[in-house]
Amino acid sequence: MSSDDTTPPEMLDTRRRRLIFRAQHRGTYENDLLIGDFVKARIAGMSEAELDELEAVMEFPDAELADWLTGRAPIPAHADSPMLRRIREAALNRA
């Protein structure tokens, strides 16, 4: 599945639908776009382990996530994960 594909929410299981909603309603518009767009485009193909990683990423405060995702601050060791790096790469490569 390419990163441009999306599966209609009604075709996704409950956990995935909740994660999409949570990713798109972070509380800051910047994170709603950066995280929400990433999640919506890729969640249908994520494994259970990747969903766990995504949930862990979304536990961080919005201000910190925004700084890490935009490159304003490096991702600290305690927060570093493959999922957070994937989201940051997608955020930095937005057109």
N, C-alpha and C. Protein backbone atom coordinates (compact mmCIF):
# COMPACT_ATOMS: atom_id res chain seq x y z
N MET A 1 0.85 -1.19 0.00
CA MET A 1 0.00 0.00 0.00
C MET A 1 0.88 1.24 0.00
N SER A 2 0.63 2.14 -0.89
CA SER A 2 1.43 3.35 -0.95
C SER A 2 0.95 4.33 0.10
N SER A 3 1.81 5.31 0.40
CA SER A 3 1.47 6.28 1.42
C SER A 3 0.36 7.23 0.97
N ASP A 4 -0.03 7.16 -0.31
CA ASP A 4 -1.10 8.03 -0.80
C ASP A 4 -2.46 7.36 -0.70
N ASP A 5 -2.49 6.04 -0.43
CA ASP A 5 -3.74 5.31 -0.33
C ASP A 5 -4.38 5.54 1.03
N THR A 6 -5.69 5.56 1.03
CA THR A 6 -6.41 5.60 2.29
C THR A 6 -7.55 4.62 2.19
N THR A 7 -7.87 4.00 3.29
CA THR A 7 -8.99 3.08 3.38
C THR A 7 -10.09 3.83 4.10
N PRO A 8 -11.32 3.76 3.60
CA PRO A 8 -12.41 4.46 4.29
C PRO A 8 -12.49 4.00 5.75
N PRO A 9 -12.70 4.94 6.67
CA PRO A 9 -12.74 4.59 8.08
C PRO A 9 -13.71 3.46 8.42
N GLU A 10 -14.83 3.40 7.73
CA GLU A 10 -15.81 2.36 8.04
C GLU A 10 -15.30 0.95 7.71
N MET A 11 -14.24 0.87 6.93
CA MET A 11 -13.65 -0.43 6.59
C MET A 11 -12.57 -0.85 7.58
N LEU A 12 -12.26 -0.02 8.54
CA LEU A 12 -11.21 -0.31 9.52
C LEU A 12 -11.81 -0.80 10.83
N ASP A 13 -11.00 -1.55 11.58
CA ASP A 13 -11.48 -2.02 12.87
C ASP A 13 -11.55 -0.85 13.87
N THR A 14 -12.16 -1.13 15.00
CA THR A 14 -12.41 -0.09 16.00
C THR A 14 -11.12 0.57 16.48
N ARG A 15 -10.10 -0.22 16.74
CA ARG A 15 -8.83 0.36 17.24
C ARG A 15 -8.27 1.34 16.23
N ARG A 16 -8.26 0.97 14.97
CA ARG A 16 -7.72 1.85 13.93
C ARG A 16 -8.56 3.12 13.78
N ARG A 17 -9.87 2.99 13.83
CA ARG A 17 -10.73 4.18 13.74
C ARG A 17 -10.47 5.13 14.90
N ARG A 18 -10.30 4.59 16.10
CA ARG A 18 -10.02 5.43 17.26
C ARG A 18 -8.66 6.12 17.13
N LEU A 19 -7.68 5.39 16.61
CA LEU A 19 -6.36 5.99 16.43
C LEU A 19 -6.39 7.11 15.39
N ILE A 20 -7.15 6.93 14.33
CA ILE A 20 -7.28 7.99 13.33
C ILE A 20 -7.90 9.22 13.99
N PHE A 21 -8.97 9.03 14.72
CA PHE A 21 -9.63 10.16 15.37
C PHE A 21 -8.66 10.85 16.33
N ARG A 22 -7.99 10.08 17.14
CA ARG A 22 -7.04 10.65 18.12
C ARG A 22 -5.91 11.39 17.43
N ALA A 23 -5.42 10.84 16.33
CA ALA A 23 -4.32 11.48 15.59
C ALA A 23 -4.76 12.79 14.94
N GLN A 24 -6.02 12.88 14.54
CA GLN A 24 -6.51 14.07 13.86
C GLN A 24 -7.09 15.10 14.82
N HIS A 25 -7.16 14.77 16.09
CA HIS A 25 -7.73 15.67 17.10
C HIS A 25 -6.77 15.78 18.29
N ARG A 26 -5.55 16.18 18.00
CA ARG A 26 -4.50 16.26 19.00
C ARG A 26 -4.66 17.47 19.92
N GLY A 27 -5.23 18.51 19.42
CA GLY A 27 -5.35 19.73 20.22
C GLY A 27 -4.62 20.90 19.60
N THR A 28 -3.65 20.61 18.74
CA THR A 28 -3.00 21.68 17.98
C THR A 28 -3.15 21.36 16.50
N TYR A 29 -3.43 22.39 15.74
CA TYR A 29 -3.66 22.21 14.31
C TYR A 29 -2.44 21.59 13.62
N GLU A 30 -1.25 22.04 14.02
CA GLU A 30 -0.02 21.53 13.41
C GLU A 30 0.09 20.01 13.59
N ASN A 31 -0.11 19.53 14.78
CA ASN A 31 -0.03 18.09 15.02
C ASN A 31 -1.20 17.34 14.41
N ASP A 32 -2.38 17.96 14.39
CA ASP A 32 -3.52 17.33 13.73
C ASP A 32 -3.15 16.99 12.29
N LEU A 33 -2.48 17.92 11.62
CA LEU A 33 -2.08 17.69 10.23
C LEU A 33 -0.91 16.72 10.11
N LEU A 34 0.14 16.95 10.87
CA LEU A 34 1.35 16.13 10.74
C LEU A 34 1.10 14.68 11.14
N ILE A 35 0.48 14.47 12.27
CA ILE A 35 0.25 13.11 12.74
C ILE A 35 -0.99 12.52 12.08
N GLY A 36 -2.05 13.32 12.01
CA GLY A 36 -3.30 12.83 11.43
C GLY A 36 -3.17 12.37 10.00
N ASP A 37 -2.51 13.16 9.18
CA ASP A 37 -2.34 12.78 7.78
C ASP A 37 -1.49 11.52 7.65
N PHE A 38 -0.43 11.41 8.44
CA PHE A 38 0.43 10.22 8.43
C PHE A 38 -0.39 8.98 8.78
N VAL A 39 -1.13 9.08 9.87
CA VAL A 39 -1.89 7.93 10.35
C VAL A 39 -2.98 7.53 9.36
N LYS A 40 -3.74 8.50 8.89
CA LYS A 40 -4.85 8.19 7.98
C LYS A 40 -4.35 7.49 6.71
N ALA A 41 -3.21 7.92 6.21
CA ALA A 41 -2.69 7.35 4.97
C ALA A 41 -2.09 5.95 5.15
N ARG A 42 -1.70 5.59 6.37
CA ARG A 42 -0.94 4.36 6.55
C ARG A 42 -1.54 3.33 7.50
N ILE A 43 -2.55 3.70 8.24
CA ILE A 43 -3.01 2.84 9.33
C ILE A 43 -3.56 1.49 8.87
N ALA A 44 -4.15 1.43 7.72
CA ALA A 44 -4.73 0.16 7.25
C ALA A 44 -3.66 -0.92 7.11
N GLY A 45 -2.44 -0.53 6.81
CA GLY A 45 -1.37 -1.50 6.63
C GLY A 45 -0.49 -1.71 7.84
N MET A 46 -0.81 -1.08 8.97
CA MET A 46 0.03 -1.21 10.17
C MET A 46 -0.27 -2.51 10.92
N SER A 47 0.80 -3.11 11.41
CA SER A 47 0.69 -4.31 12.24
C SER A 47 0.25 -3.92 13.65
N GLU A 48 -0.09 -4.91 14.45
CA GLU A 48 -0.45 -4.64 15.85
C GLU A 48 0.72 -3.99 16.59
N ALA A 49 1.94 -4.45 16.32
CA ALA A 49 3.12 -3.86 16.97
C ALA A 49 3.28 -2.40 16.57
N GLU A 50 3.02 -2.08 15.30
CA GLU A 50 3.11 -0.69 14.85
C GLU A 50 2.02 0.15 15.48
N LEU A 51 0.84 -0.42 15.67
CA LEU A 51 -0.23 0.31 16.34
C LEU A 51 0.16 0.61 17.79
N ASP A 52 0.81 -0.35 18.44
CA ASP A 52 1.31 -0.13 19.80
C ASP A 52 2.31 1.02 19.82
N GLU A 53 3.23 1.04 18.85
CA GLU A 53 4.23 2.11 18.75
C GLU A 53 3.55 3.45 18.52
N LEU A 54 2.56 3.46 17.65
CA LEU A 54 1.82 4.70 17.36
C LEU A 54 1.14 5.22 18.62
N GLU A 55 0.51 4.34 19.37
CA GLU A 55 -0.14 4.76 20.61
C GLU A 55 0.88 5.35 21.59
N ALA A 56 2.06 4.76 21.64
CA ALA A 56 3.11 5.28 22.53
C ALA A 56 3.54 6.68 22.09
N VAL A 57 3.68 6.89 20.79
CA VAL A 57 4.07 8.21 20.28
C VAL A 57 3.02 9.24 20.66
N MET A 58 1.76 8.87 20.56
CA MET A 58 0.70 9.83 20.82
C MET A 58 0.53 10.15 22.30
N GLU A 59 1.28 9.50 23.17
CA GLU A 59 1.25 9.83 24.60
C GLU A 59 2.10 11.05 24.92
N PHE A 60 3.00 11.44 24.02
CA PHE A 60 3.85 12.60 24.28
C PHE A 60 3.05 13.89 24.13
N PRO A 61 3.42 14.92 24.89
CA PRO A 61 2.73 16.21 24.80
C PRO A 61 2.84 16.82 23.40
N ASP A 62 1.81 17.53 23.00
CA ASP A 62 1.76 18.14 21.67
C ASP A 62 2.94 19.06 21.38
N ALA A 63 3.32 19.88 22.35
CA ALA A 63 4.41 20.83 22.10
C ALA A 63 5.71 20.10 21.79
N GLU A 64 6.00 19.05 22.52
CA GLU A 64 7.22 18.28 22.26
C GLU A 64 7.14 17.59 20.90
N LEU A 65 6.00 16.97 20.62
CA LEU A 65 5.84 16.29 19.33
C LEU A 65 6.01 17.27 18.17
N ALA A 66 5.42 18.43 18.27
CA ALA A 66 5.54 19.42 17.20
C ALA A 66 7.00 19.80 16.97
N ASP A 67 7.74 20.00 18.05
CA ASP A 67 9.16 20.35 17.92
C ASP A 67 9.94 19.22 17.27
N TRP A 68 9.69 17.99 17.68
CA TRP A 68 10.41 16.85 17.12
C TRP A 68 10.04 16.61 15.66
N LEU A 69 8.75 16.71 15.34
CA LEU A 69 8.29 16.39 13.99
C LEU A 69 8.71 17.43 12.96
N THR A 70 8.88 18.66 13.40
CA THR A 70 9.26 19.72 12.47
C THR A 70 10.77 19.93 12.42
N GLY A 71 11.51 19.21 13.27
CA GLY A 71 12.96 19.36 13.30
C GLY A 71 13.44 20.53 14.13
N ARG A 72 12.53 21.20 14.84
CA ARG A 72 12.94 22.31 15.71
C ARG A 72 13.75 21.81 16.89
N ALA A 73 13.57 20.54 17.23
CA ALA A 73 14.33 19.93 18.32
C ALA A 73 14.60 18.48 17.93
N PRO A 74 15.74 17.95 18.35
CA PRO A 74 16.02 16.54 18.07
C PRO A 74 15.12 15.64 18.93
N ILE A 75 14.88 14.45 18.44
CA ILE A 75 14.12 13.48 19.23
C ILE A 75 15.05 12.96 20.33
N PRO A 76 14.65 13.11 21.59
CA PRO A 76 15.51 12.64 22.69
C PRO A 76 15.51 11.11 22.76
N ALA A 77 16.54 10.57 23.35
CA ALA A 77 16.70 9.11 23.42
C ALA A 77 15.51 8.42 24.06
N HIS A 78 14.92 9.01 25.10
CA HIS A 78 13.80 8.36 25.79
C HIS A 78 12.55 8.26 24.92
N ALA A 79 12.46 9.09 23.89
CA ALA A 79 11.28 9.10 23.03
C ALA A 79 11.52 8.45 21.68
N ASP A 80 12.77 8.22 21.33
CA ASP A 80 13.12 7.74 20.00
C ASP A 80 12.52 6.36 19.74
N SER A 81 11.88 6.23 18.60
CA SER A 81 11.31 4.95 18.17
C SER A 81 11.22 4.95 16.65
N PRO A 82 11.17 3.78 16.05
CA PRO A 82 11.01 3.73 14.59
C PRO A 82 9.75 4.46 14.12
N MET A 83 8.66 4.35 14.87
CA MET A 83 7.41 5.01 14.46
C MET A 83 7.55 6.53 14.51
N LEU A 84 8.15 7.05 15.56
CA LEU A 84 8.32 8.50 15.66
C LEU A 84 9.22 9.00 14.54
N ARG A 85 10.25 8.25 14.22
CA ARG A 85 11.14 8.65 13.12
C ARG A 85 10.41 8.61 11.78
N ARG A 86 9.53 7.62 11.59
CA ARG A 86 8.74 7.55 10.35
C ARG A 86 7.81 8.76 10.23
N ILE A 87 7.15 9.11 11.32
CA ILE A 87 6.24 10.25 11.29
C ILE A 87 7.02 11.53 11.02
N ARG A 88 8.18 11.69 11.67
CA ARG A 88 9.00 12.89 11.44
C ARG A 88 9.47 12.95 9.99
N GLU A 89 9.92 11.84 9.44
CA GLU A 89 10.36 11.84 8.04
C GLU A 89 9.23 12.27 7.12
N ALA A 90 8.03 11.75 7.35
CA ALA A 90 6.89 12.15 6.54
C ALA A 90 6.57 13.63 6.72
N ALA A 91 6.66 14.12 7.95
CA ALA A 91 6.37 15.53 8.22
C ALA A 91 7.39 16.43 7.54
N LEU A 92 8.64 16.06 7.57
CA LEU A 92 9.68 16.89 6.97
C LEU A 92 9.63 16.86 5.44
N ASN A 93 9.01 15.82 4.88
CA ASN A 93 8.94 15.70 3.42
C ASN A 93 7.60 16.13 2.85
N ARG A 94 6.78 16.77 3.66
CA ARG A 94 5.47 17.26 3.17
C ARG A 94 5.71 18.31 2.11
N ALA A 95 4.89 18.30 1.10
CA ALA A 95 5.01 19.29 0.02
C ALA A 95 4.40 20.61 0.41
